[in-house]
PDB file of N, CA and C in Angstrom:
ATOM      1  N   MET A   1     -23.081   9.705  11.233  1.00  0.00           N
ATOM      2  CA  MET A   1     -22.164   8.524  11.522  1.00  0.00           C
ATOM      3  C   MET A   1     -20.644   9.367  11.760  1.00  0.00           C
ATOM      4  N   ALA A   2     -19.963   9.172  12.527  1.00  0.00           N
ATOM      5  CA  ALA A   2     -18.707   9.667  13.059  1.00  0.00           C
ATOM      6  C   ALA A   2     -17.725   9.239  11.986  1.00  0.00           C
ATOM      7  N   GLU A   3     -16.645  10.254  11.661  1.00  0.00           N
ATOM      8  CA  GLU A   3     -15.513   9.917  10.856  1.00  0.00           C
ATOM      9  C   GLU A   3     -14.623   8.899  11.389  1.00  0.00           C
ATOM     10  N   ASP A   4     -13.993   8.046  10.615  1.00  0.00           N
ATOM     11  CA  ASP A   4     -12.887   7.248  10.948  1.00  0.00           C
ATOM     12  C   ASP A   4     -11.898   7.488  10.081  1.00  0.00           C
ATOM     13  N   PRO A   5     -10.863   8.162  10.517  1.00  0.00           N
ATOM     14  CA  PRO A   5      -9.998   8.605   9.500  1.00  0.00           C
ATOM     15  C   PRO A   5      -8.892   7.392   8.982  1.00  0.00           C
ATOM     16  N   VAL A   6      -8.789   6.402   9.704  1.00  0.00           N
ATOM     17  CA  VAL A   6      -7.987   5.210   9.520  1.00  0.00           C
ATOM     18  C   VAL A   6      -8.635   4.444   8.219  1.00  0.00           C
ATOM     19  N   ASN A   7      -9.931   4.283   8.338  1.00  0.00           N
ATOM     20  CA  ASN A   7     -10.649   3.674   7.375  1.00  0.00           C
ATOM     21  C   ASN A   7     -10.836   4.382   6.175  1.00  0.00           C
ATOM     22  N   ASP A   8     -10.910   5.869   6.174  1.00  0.00           N
ATOM     23  CA  ASP A   8     -10.948   6.940   5.228  1.00  0.00           C
ATOM     24  C   ASP A   8      -9.529   6.711   4.297  1.00  0.00           C
ATOM     25  N   LEU A   9      -8.668   6.641   5.115  1.00  0.00           N
ATOM     26  CA  LEU A   9      -7.219   6.625   4.559  1.00  0.00           C
ATOM     27  C   LEU A   9      -6.973   5.137   3.965  1.00  0.00           C
ATOM     28  N   ILE A  10      -7.488   4.254   4.263  1.00  0.00           N
ATOM     29  CA  ILE A  10      -7.206   3.047   3.925  1.00  0.00           C
ATOM     30  C   ILE A  10      -8.136   2.959   2.355  1.00  0.00           C
ATOM     31  N   HIS A  11      -9.397   3.388   2.438  1.00  0.00           N
ATOM     32  CA  HIS A  11     -10.378   3.615   1.229  1.00  0.00           C
ATOM     33  C   HIS A  11      -9.370   4.292   0.089  1.00  0.00           C
ATOM     34  N   ARG A  12      -8.971   5.507   0.547  1.00  0.00           N
ATOM     35  CA  ARG A  12      -8.049   6.333  -0.597  1.00  0.00           C
ATOM     36  C   ARG A  12      -7.074   5.521  -1.188  1.00  0.00           C
ATOM     37  N   ILE A  13      -6.085   4.833  -0.329  1.00  0.00           N
ATOM     38  CA  ILE A  13      -5.332   3.784  -0.603  1.00  0.00           C
ATOM     39  C   ILE A  13      -5.794   2.839  -1.805  1.00  0.00           C
ATOM     40  N   ARG A  14      -6.758   2.196  -1.213  1.00  0.00           N
ATOM     41  CA  ARG A  14      -7.411   1.161  -2.257  1.00  0.00           C
ATOM     42  C   ARG A  14      -7.987   1.463  -3.422  1.00  0.00           C
ATOM     43  N   VAL A  15      -8.556   2.726  -3.444  1.00  0.00           N
ATOM     44  CA  VAL A  15      -8.744   3.526  -4.852  1.00  0.00           C
ATOM     45  C   VAL A  15      -7.516   3.674  -5.785  1.00  0.00           C
ATOM     46  N   LEU A  16      -6.490   4.229  -5.003  1.00  0.00           N
ATOM     47  CA  LEU A  16      -5.289   4.633  -5.926  1.00  0.00           C
ATOM     48  C   LEU A  16      -4.520   3.447  -6.263  1.00  0.00           C
ATOM     49  N   ALA A  17      -4.350   2.313  -5.524  1.00  0.00           N
ATOM     50  CA  ALA A  17      -3.677   1.186  -5.662  1.00  0.00           C
ATOM     51  C   ALA A  17      -4.512   0.555  -6.935  1.00  0.00           C
ATOM     52  N   SER A  18      -5.886   0.611  -7.326  1.00  0.00           N
ATOM     53  CA  SER A  18      -6.694   0.151  -8.188  1.00  0.00           C
ATOM     54  C   SER A  18      -6.128   0.642  -9.523  1.00  0.00           C
ATOM     55  N   THR A  19      -5.937   1.870  -9.413  1.00  0.00           N
ATOM     56  CA  THR A  19      -5.314   2.567 -10.695  1.00  0.00           C
ATOM     57  C   THR A  19      -3.880   2.273 -11.151  1.00  0.00           C
ATOM     58  N   HIS A  20      -3.307   1.348 -10.214  1.00  0.00           N
ATOM     59  CA  HIS A  20      -1.881   0.693 -10.461  1.00  0.00           C
ATOM     60  C   HIS A  20      -2.085  -0.433 -10.720  1.00  0.00           C
ATOM     61  N   GLY A  21      -3.135  -1.233 -10.602  1.00  0.00           N
ATOM     62  CA  GLY A  21      -3.380  -2.749 -10.974  1.00  0.00           C
ATOM     63  C   GLY A  21      -3.275  -3.349  -9.655  1.00  0.00           C
ATOM     64  N   TYR A  22      -3.347  -2.939  -8.500  1.00  0.00           N
ATOM     65  CA  TYR A  22      -3.292  -3.624  -7.316  1.00  0.00           C
ATOM     66  C   TYR A  22      -4.675  -3.788  -6.351  1.00  0.00           C
ATOM     67  N   ALA A  23      -4.703  -5.070  -5.573  1.00  0.00           N
ATOM     68  CA  ALA A  23      -5.917  -4.888  -4.546  1.00  0.00           C
ATOM     69  C   ALA A  23      -4.938  -4.575  -3.324  1.00  0.00           C
ATOM     70  N   ILE A  24      -5.686  -3.941  -2.289  1.00  0.00           N
ATOM     71  CA  ILE A  24      -5.009  -3.872  -1.025  1.00  0.00           C
ATOM     72  C   ILE A  24      -5.791  -4.526   0.046  1.00  0.00           C
ATOM     73  N   GLY A  25      -5.196  -5.371   0.871  1.00  0.00           N
ATOM     74  CA  GLY A  25      -5.637  -6.148   1.989  1.00  0.00           C
ATOM     75  C   GLY A  25      -4.986  -5.455   3.321  1.00  0.00           C
ATOM     76  N   VAL A  26      -5.779  -5.516   4.484  1.00  0.00           N
ATOM     77  CA  VAL A  26      -5.350  -4.857   5.628  1.00  0.00           C
ATOM     78  C   VAL A  26      -5.040  -5.790   6.727  1.00  0.00           C
ATOM     79  N   HIS A  27      -4.065  -5.965   7.700  1.00  0.00           N
ATOM     80  CA  HIS A  27      -3.806  -7.015   8.549  1.00  0.00           C
ATOM     81  C   HIS A  27      -3.472  -6.261   9.822  1.00  0.00           C
ATOM     82  N   GLY A  28      -3.283  -6.858  10.793  1.00  0.00           N
ATOM     83  CA  GLY A  28      -2.777  -6.090  11.979  1.00  0.00           C
ATOM     84  C   GLY A  28      -3.801  -5.108  12.696  1.00  0.00           C
ATOM     85  N   SER A  29      -3.536  -4.658  14.026  1.00  0.00           N
ATOM     86  CA  SER A  29      -4.425  -4.222  14.735  1.00  0.00           C
ATOM     87  C   SER A  29      -4.706  -2.660  14.435  1.00  0.00           C
ATOM     88  N   LEU A  30      -4.105  -2.013  13.451  1.00  0.00           N
ATOM     89  CA  LEU A  30      -4.364  -0.549  13.150  1.00  0.00           C
ATOM     90  C   LEU A  30      -4.081   0.434  14.254  1.00  0.00           C
ATOM     91  N   GLU A  31      -3.210  -0.057  15.323  1.00  0.00           N
ATOM     92  CA  GLU A  31      -3.084   1.007  16.174  1.00  0.00           C
ATOM     93  C   GLU A  31      -1.831   1.789  16.029  1.00  0.00           C
ATOM     94  N   ARG A  32      -0.912   1.038  15.979  1.00  0.00           N
ATOM     95  CA  ARG A  32       0.577   1.677  16.014  1.00  0.00           C
ATOM     96  C   ARG A  32       0.915   2.258  14.596  1.00  0.00           C
ATOM     97  N   ASP A  33       0.452   1.193  13.707  1.00  0.00           N
ATOM     98  CA  ASP A  33       0.751   1.475  12.055  1.00  0.00           C
ATOM     99  C   ASP A  33      -0.415   0.904  11.303  1.00  0.00           C
ATOM    100  N   VAL A  34      -0.602   1.243   9.954  1.00  0.00           N
ATOM    101  CA  VAL A  34      -1.581   0.526   9.220  1.00  0.00           C
ATOM    102  C   VAL A  34      -0.826  -0.520   8.113  1.00  0.00           C
ATOM    103  N   ASP A  35      -0.738  -1.512   8.660  1.00  0.00           N
ATOM    104  CA  ASP A  35      -0.187  -2.932   7.746  1.00  0.00           C
ATOM    105  C   ASP A  35      -1.161  -3.050   6.586  1.00  0.00           C
ATOM    106  N   LEU A  36      -0.505  -2.936   5.586  1.00  0.00           N
ATOM    107  CA  LEU A  36      -1.196  -2.978   4.283  1.00  0.00           C
ATOM    108  C   LEU A  36      -0.228  -4.193   3.317  1.00  0.00           C
ATOM    109  N   ILE A  37      -1.219  -4.748   2.678  1.00  0.00           N
ATOM    110  CA  ILE A  37      -0.536  -5.912   1.629  1.00  0.00           C
ATOM    111  C   ILE A  37      -1.154  -5.534   0.053  1.00  0.00           C
ATOM    112  N   ALA A  38      -0.386  -5.302  -0.618  1.00  0.00           N
ATOM    113  CA  ALA A  38      -0.703  -4.975  -2.098  1.00  0.00           C
ATOM    114  C   ALA A  38      -0.426  -6.100  -3.028  1.00  0.00           C
ATOM    115  N   VAL A  39      -1.416  -6.579  -3.581  1.00  0.00           N
ATOM    116  CA  VAL A  39      -1.374  -8.021  -4.467  1.00  0.00           C
ATOM    117  C   VAL A  39      -1.839  -7.533  -5.911  1.00  0.00           C
ATOM    118  N   PRO A  40      -0.805  -7.688  -6.779  1.00  0.00           N
ATOM    119  CA  PRO A  40      -1.210  -7.632  -8.187  1.00  0.00           C
ATOM    120  C   PRO A  40      -2.501  -8.235  -8.795  1.00  0.00           C
ATOM    121  N   TRP A  41      -3.295  -7.346  -9.367  1.00  0.00           N
ATOM    122  CA  TRP A  41      -4.828  -7.955  -9.599  1.00  0.00           C
ATOM    123  C   TRP A  41      -5.136  -7.875 -10.929  1.00  0.00           C
ATOM    124  N   ILE A  42      -4.296  -7.220 -11.831  1.00  0.00           N
ATOM    125  CA  ILE A  42      -4.593  -7.306 -13.054  1.00  0.00           C
ATOM    126  C   ILE A  42      -3.118  -7.790 -13.970  1.00  0.00           C
ATOM    127  N   ARG A  43      -3.244  -8.059 -15.353  1.00  0.00           N
ATOM    128  CA  ARG A  43      -2.219  -8.399 -16.154  1.00  0.00           C
ATOM    129  C   ARG A  43      -0.855  -7.467 -15.954  1.00  0.00           C
ATOM    130  N   HIS A  44      -1.469  -5.945 -16.280  1.00  0.00           N
ATOM    131  CA  HIS A  44      -0.523  -5.043 -16.414  1.00  0.00           C
ATOM    132  C   HIS A  44      -0.602  -4.145 -15.248  1.00  0.00           C
ATOM    133  N   THR A  45       0.409  -3.945 -14.374  1.00  0.00           N
ATOM    134  CA  THR A  45       0.693  -3.198 -13.083  1.00  0.00           C
ATOM    135  C   THR A  45       1.733  -2.317 -13.071  1.00  0.00           C
ATOM    136  N   SER A  46       1.762  -1.570 -12.275  1.00  0.00           N
ATOM    137  CA  SER A  46       2.786  -0.590 -12.095  1.00  0.00           C
ATOM    138  C   SER A  46       3.928  -1.265 -11.120  1.00  0.00           C
ATOM    139  N   THR A  47       5.111  -1.054 -11.298  1.00  0.00           N
ATOM    140  CA  THR A  47       5.897  -1.590 -10.201  1.00  0.00           C
ATOM    141  C   THR A  47       5.605  -1.412  -8.819  1.00  0.00           C
ATOM    142  N   ALA A  48       6.261  -2.009  -7.980  1.00  0.00           N
ATOM    143  CA  ALA A  48       6.097  -1.967  -6.649  1.00  0.00           C
ATOM    144  C   ALA A  48       6.535  -0.729  -5.933  1.00  0.00           C
ATOM    145  N   ASP A  49       7.717   0.042  -6.761  1.00  0.00           N
ATOM    146  CA  ASP A  49       8.110   1.189  -6.134  1.00  0.00           C
ATOM    147  C   ASP A  49       7.323   2.111  -6.719  1.00  0.00           C
ATOM    148  N   GLU A  50       6.918   2.012  -7.917  1.00  0.00           N
ATOM    149  CA  GLU A  50       5.808   3.016  -8.507  1.00  0.00           C
ATOM    150  C   GLU A  50       4.473   3.133  -7.456  1.00  0.00           C
ATOM    151  N   LEU A  51       4.128   2.359  -7.233  1.00  0.00           N
ATOM    152  CA  LEU A  51       3.146   2.021  -6.190  1.00  0.00           C
ATOM    153  C   LEU A  51       3.124   2.841  -4.913  1.00  0.00           C
ATOM    154  N   ALA A  52       4.191   2.464  -4.297  1.00  0.00           N
ATOM    155  CA  ALA A  52       4.831   3.009  -3.050  1.00  0.00           C
ATOM    156  C   ALA A  52       4.772   4.325  -3.139  1.00  0.00           C
ATOM    157  N   ALA A  53       5.453   5.162  -4.296  1.00  0.00           N
ATOM    158  CA  ALA A  53       5.948   6.432  -4.333  1.00  0.00           C
ATOM    159  C   ALA A  53       4.644   7.162  -4.714  1.00  0.00           C
ATOM    160  N   SER A  54       3.695   6.561  -5.350  1.00  0.00           N
ATOM    161  CA  SER A  54       2.281   7.276  -5.515  1.00  0.00           C
ATOM    162  C   SER A  54       1.607   7.161  -4.233  1.00  0.00           C
ATOM    163  N   VAL A  55       1.487   6.322  -3.260  1.00  0.00           N
ATOM    164  CA  VAL A  55       0.882   6.393  -2.090  1.00  0.00           C
ATOM    165  C   VAL A  55       1.537   7.287  -1.402  1.00  0.00           C
ATOM    166  N   ALA A  56       2.759   7.287  -1.310  1.00  0.00           N
ATOM    167  CA  ALA A  56       3.498   8.471  -0.472  1.00  0.00           C
ATOM    168  C   ALA A  56       2.951   9.781  -0.833  1.00  0.00           C
ATOM    169  N   ARG A  57       3.139  10.140  -2.332  1.00  0.00           N
ATOM    170  CA  ARG A  57       2.605  11.559  -2.721  1.00  0.00           C
ATOM    171  C   ARG A  57       1.179  11.783  -2.552  1.00  0.00           C
ATOM    172  N   ALA A  58       0.437  10.956  -2.442  1.00  0.00           N
ATOM    173  CA  ALA A  58      -0.921  11.130  -2.098  1.00  0.00           C
ATOM    174  C   ALA A  58      -1.154  11.502  -0.770  1.00  0.00           C
ATOM    175  N   LEU A  59      -0.171  11.234   0.198  1.00  0.00           N
ATOM    176  CA  LEU A  59      -0.463  11.583   1.706  1.00  0.00           C
ATOM    177  C   LEU A  59       0.479  12.764   1.927  1.00  0.00           C
ATOM    178  N   GLY A  60       1.114  13.414   0.701  1.00  0.00           N
ATOM    179  CA  GLY A  60       2.154  14.534   0.982  1.00  0.00           C
ATOM    180  C   GLY A  60       3.149  14.032   1.639  1.00  0.00           C
ATOM    181  N   SER A  61       3.952  12.585   1.854  1.00  0.00           N
ATOM    182  CA  SER A  61       4.818  12.280   2.451  1.00  0.00           C
ATOM    183  C   SER A  61       5.778  11.615   1.541  1.00  0.00           C
ATOM    184  N   THR A  62       6.889  10.970   1.919  1.00  0.00           N
ATOM    185  CA  THR A  62       7.808  10.081   1.112  1.00  0.00           C
ATOM    186  C   THR A  62       7.977   8.663   1.727  1.00  0.00           C
ATOM    187  N   VAL A  63       8.509   8.080   0.986  1.00  0.00           N
ATOM    188  CA  VAL A  63       8.818   6.555   1.355  1.00  0.00           C
ATOM    189  C   VAL A  63      10.130   6.786   2.305  1.00  0.00           C
ATOM    190  N   ARG A  64      10.004   6.238   3.399  1.00  0.00           N
ATOM    191  CA  ARG A  64      11.115   6.450   4.423  1.00  0.00           C
ATOM    192  C   ARG A  64      12.044   5.102   4.233  1.00  0.00           C
ATOM    193  N   GLN A  65      11.467   4.068   4.058  1.00  0.00           N
ATOM    194  CA  GLN A  65      12.364   2.850   4.012  1.00  0.00           C
ATOM    195  C   GLN A  65      11.904   1.897   3.131  1.00  0.00           C
ATOM    196  N   ARG A  66      12.688   1.409   2.220  1.00  0.00           N
ATOM    197  CA  ARG A  66      12.332   0.158   1.342  1.00  0.00           C
ATOM    198  C   ARG A  66      13.229  -0.989   1.655  1.00  0.00           C
ATOM    199  N   CYS A  67      12.496  -2.215   1.603  1.00  0.00           N
ATOM    200  CA  CYS A  67      13.437  -3.491   2.264  1.00  0.00           C
ATOM    201  C   CYS A  67      12.754  -4.620   1.361  1.00  0.00           C
ATOM    202  N   GLU A  68      13.610  -5.675   1.136  1.00  0.00           N
ATOM    203  CA  GLU A  68      13.099  -6.891   0.468  1.00  0.00           C
ATOM    204  C   GLU A  68      12.765  -7.782   1.596  1.00  0.00           C
ATOM    205  N   ARG A  69      11.746  -8.525   1.227  1.00  0.00           N
ATOM    206  CA  ARG A  69      11.077  -9.513   2.454  1.00  0.00           C
ATOM    207  C   ARG A  69      10.982 -10.871   1.663  1.00  0.00           C
ATOM    208  N   VAL A  70      10.569 -11.600   2.664  1.00  0.00           N
ATOM    209  CA  VAL A  70      10.492 -13.062   1.970  1.00  0.00           C
ATOM    210  C   VAL A  70       9.431 -13.399   1.108  1.00  0.00           C
ATOM    211  N   HIS A  71       9.571 -14.232   0.160  1.00  0.00           N
ATOM    212  CA  HIS A  71       8.761 -14.830  -0.980  1.00  0.00           C
ATOM    213  C   HIS A  71       8.501 -13.609  -1.816  1.00  0.00           C
ATOM    214  N   GLY A  72       9.491 -12.571  -2.078  1.00  0.00           N
ATOM    215  CA  GLY A  72       9.340 -11.922  -3.161  1.00  0.00           C
ATOM    216  C   GLY A  72       8.590 -10.465  -2.683  1.00  0.00           C
ATOM    217  N   ARG A  73       8.313 -10.357  -1.429  1.00  0.00           N
ATOM    218  CA  ARG A  73       7.695  -9.305  -1.380  1.00  0.00           C
ATOM    219  C   ARG A  73       8.582  -7.929  -0.812  1.00  0.00           C
ATOM    220  N   VAL A  74       8.229  -6.703  -1.153  1.00  0.00           N
ATOM    221  CA  VAL A  74       9.019  -5.715  -1.000  1.00  0.00           C
ATOM    222  C   VAL A  74       8.138  -4.866  -0.019  1.00  0.00           C
ATOM    223  N   GLY A  75       9.063  -4.273   1.018  1.00  0.00           N
ATOM    224  CA  GLY A  75       8.388  -3.764   2.084  1.00  0.00           C
ATOM    225  C   GLY A  75       8.672  -2.151   1.765  1.00  0.00           C
ATOM    226  N   TYR A  76       7.770  -1.322   2.436  1.00  0.00           N
ATOM    227  CA  TYR A  76       8.021   0.069   2.431  1.00  0.00           C
ATOM    228  C   TYR A  76       7.213   0.770   3.461  1.00  0.00           C
ATOM    229  N   VAL A  77       8.102   1.660   4.183  1.00  0.00           N
ATOM    230  CA  VAL A  77       7.390   2.369   5.320  1.00  0.00           C
ATOM    231  C   VAL A  77       7.197   3.758   4.964  1.00  0.00           C
ATOM    232  N   VAL A  78       6.117   4.418   4.916  1.00  0.00           N
ATOM    233  CA  VAL A  78       5.498   5.667   4.463  1.00  0.00           C
ATOM    234  C   VAL A  78       4.960   6.420   5.736  1.00  0.00           C
ATOM    235  N   ASN A  79       5.391   7.473   6.326  1.00  0.00           N
ATOM    236  CA  ASN A  79       4.868   8.162   7.230  1.00  0.00           C
ATOM    237  C   ASN A  79       3.602   8.681   6.791  1.00  0.00           C
ATOM    238  N   ILE A  80       2.576   8.881   8.107  1.00  0.00           N
ATOM    239  CA  ILE A  80       1.355   9.382   7.852  1.00  0.00           C
ATOM    240  C   ILE A  80       1.372  10.854   8.437  1.00  0.00           C
ATOM    241  N   PRO A  81       1.366  11.740   7.681  1.00  0.00           N
ATOM    242  CA  PRO A  81       1.565  13.288   8.336  1.00  0.00           C
ATOM    243  C   PRO A  81       0.586  13.514   9.473  1.00  0.00           C
ATOM    244  N   GLY A  82       0.913  14.437  10.356  1.00  0.00           N
ATOM    245  CA  GLY A  82      -0.159  14.923  11.446  1.00  0.00           C
ATOM    246  C   GLY A  82       0.237  14.316  12.548  1.00  0.00           C
ATOM    247  N   GLY A  83       1.207  13.517  12.952  1.00  0.00           N
ATOM    248  CA  GLY A  83       1.626  13.223  14.234  1.00  0.00           C
ATOM    249  C   GLY A  83       0.902  12.159  15.251  1.00  0.00           C
ATOM    250  N   GLY A  84      -0.198  11.797  14.303  1.00  0.00           N
ATOM    251  CA  GLY A  84      -1.130  11.170  15.369  1.00  0.00           C
ATOM    252  C   GLY A  84      -0.857   9.721  15.263  1.00  0.00           C
ATOM    253  N   LEU A  85      -1.590   8.686  15.921  1.00  0.00           N
ATOM    254  CA  LEU A  85      -1.670   7.376  15.858  1.00  0.00           C
ATOM    255  C   LEU A  85      -2.871   6.985  15.008  1.00  0.00           C
ATOM    256  N   PRO A  86      -2.348   5.892  13.999  1.00  0.00           N
ATOM    257  CA  PRO A  86      -1.338   5.314  13.691  1.00  0.00           C
ATOM    258  C   PRO A  86      -0.208   6.220  13.029  1.00  0.00           C
ATOM    259  N   SER A  87       1.107   6.170  13.103  1.00  0.00           N
ATOM    260  CA  SER A  87       2.003   7.116  12.539  1.00  0.00           C
ATOM    261  C   SER A  87       2.519   6.746  11.126  1.00  0.00           C
ATOM    262  N   TYR A  88       2.466   5.560  10.818  1.00  0.00           N
ATOM    263  CA  TYR A  88       3.133   5.265   9.510  1.00  0.00           C
ATOM    264  C   TYR A  88       2.278   3.998   8.807  1.00  0.00           C
ATOM    265  N   ILE A  89       2.474   4.041   7.587  1.00  0.00           N
ATOM    266  CA  ILE A  89       1.736   2.644   6.852  1.00  0.00           C
ATOM    267  C   ILE A  89       3.152   1.887   6.664  1.00  0.00           C
ATOM    268  N   ASP A  90       2.842   0.578   6.716  1.00  0.00           N
ATOM    269  CA  ASP A  90       3.857  -0.776   6.492  1.00  0.00           C
ATOM    270  C   ASP A  90       3.234  -1.175   5.323  1.00  0.00           C
ATOM    271  N   LEU A  91       3.623  -1.019   4.162  1.00  0.00           N
ATOM    272  CA  LEU A  91       3.039  -1.453   2.727  1.00  0.00           C
ATOM    273  C   LEU A  91       3.898  -2.686   2.485  1.00  0.00           C
ATOM    274  N   SER A  92       3.420  -3.841   2.161  1.00  0.00           N
ATOM    275  CA  SER A  92       4.155  -5.036   1.596  1.00  0.00           C
ATOM    276  C   SER A  92       3.457  -5.382   0.349  1.00  0.00           C
ATOM    277  N   VAL A  93       4.381  -5.252  -0.729  1.00  0.00           N
ATOM    278  CA  VAL A  93       3.903  -5.266  -2.196  1.00  0.00           C
ATOM    279  C   VAL A  93       4.338  -6.596  -2.530  1.00  0.00           C
ATOM    280  N   ILE A  94       3.181  -7.515  -3.130  1.00  0.00           N
ATOM    281  CA  ILE A  94       3.757  -8.912  -3.469  1.00  0.00           C
ATOM    282  C   ILE A  94       4.253  -8.183  -5.225  1.00  0.00           C
ATOM    283  N   SER A  95       5.456  -8.712  -5.354  1.00  0.00           N
ATOM    284  CA  SER A  95       5.869  -8.090  -6.796  1.00  0.00           C
ATOM    285  C   SER A  95       5.067  -8.899  -7.861  1.00  0.00           C
ATOM    286  N   PRO A  96       4.620  -8.308  -9.031  1.00  0.00           N
ATOM    287  CA  PRO A  96       4.137  -8.896 -10.181  1.00  0.00           C
ATOM    288  C   PRO A  96       5.153  -9.820 -10.755  1.00  0.00           C
ATOM    289  N   ARG A  97       4.368 -10.954 -10.995  1.00  0.00           N
ATOM    290  CA  ARG A  97       5.404 -11.843 -11.987  1.00  0.00           C
ATOM    291  C   ARG A  97       5.260 -11.655 -13.554  1.00  0.00           C
ATOM    292  N   THR A  98       5.922 -12.558 -14.199  1.00  0.00           N
ATOM    293  CA  THR A  98       5.732 -12.302 -15.716  1.00  0.00           C
ATOM    294  C   THR A  98       4.350 -12.610 -16.105  1.00  0.00           C
ATOM    295  N   PRO A  99       3.999 -11.556 -17.094  1.00  0.00           N
ATOM    296  CA  PRO A  99       2.441 -11.811 -17.703  1.00  0.00           C
ATOM    297  C   PRO A  99       2.210 -13.226 -17.900  1.00  0.00           C
ATOM    298  N   GLY A 100       1.105 -13.785 -17.739  1.00  0.00           N
ATOM    299  CA  GLY A 100       0.504 -14.873 -17.825  1.00  0.00           C
ATOM    300  C   GLY A 100      -1.104 -15.111 -17.152  1.00  0.00           C
ATOM    301  N   GLY A 101      -1.514 -15.954 -17.363  1.00  0.00           N
ATOM    302  CA  GLY A 101      -3.077 -16.176 -17.082  1.00  0.00           C
ATOM    303  C   GLY A 101      -3.972 -15.257 -17.638  1.00  0.00           C
ATOM    304  N   GLN A 102      -5.174 -15.093 -17.038  1.00  0.00           N
ATOM    305  CA  GLN A 102      -6.323 -14.280 -17.568  1.00  0.00           C
ATOM    306  C   GLN A 102      -6.354 -13.142 -16.516  1.00  0.00           C
ATOM    307  N   ASP A 103      -6.816 -11.914 -16.957  1.00  0.00           N
ATOM    308  CA  ASP A 103      -7.198 -10.759 -16.262  1.00  0.00           C
ATOM    309  C   ASP A 103      -8.594 -11.203 -15.618  1.00  0.00           C
ATOM    310  N   ASP A 104      -8.958 -11.018 -14.575  1.00  0.00           N
ATOM    311  CA  ASP A 104     -10.304 -11.274 -13.925  1.00  0.00           C
ATOM    312  C   ASP A 104     -11.007 -10.019 -13.602  1.00  0.00           C
TER     313      ASP A 104
END
């Protein structure tokens, strides 16, 4: 079976995000960039900034841009080293709300 570097990258980010209490969803074409959505999945999560910084460190990169988005999302742009396509991750993090409910 041939390697798929984009899916391998997404898998690595999903594993990493789960250690911070987030689930990762993918949207978009995965051609120009990798659009990811991080959703708090358990009661105690890292902050959105901590998650983004951890993803960037794991890639040997840095967070290039941070911006507030609608509905409480925080967006981050993280370059993917190597100069290929896709060239960056567009990570949208749904910020955790105050604790409540049950962990699933």
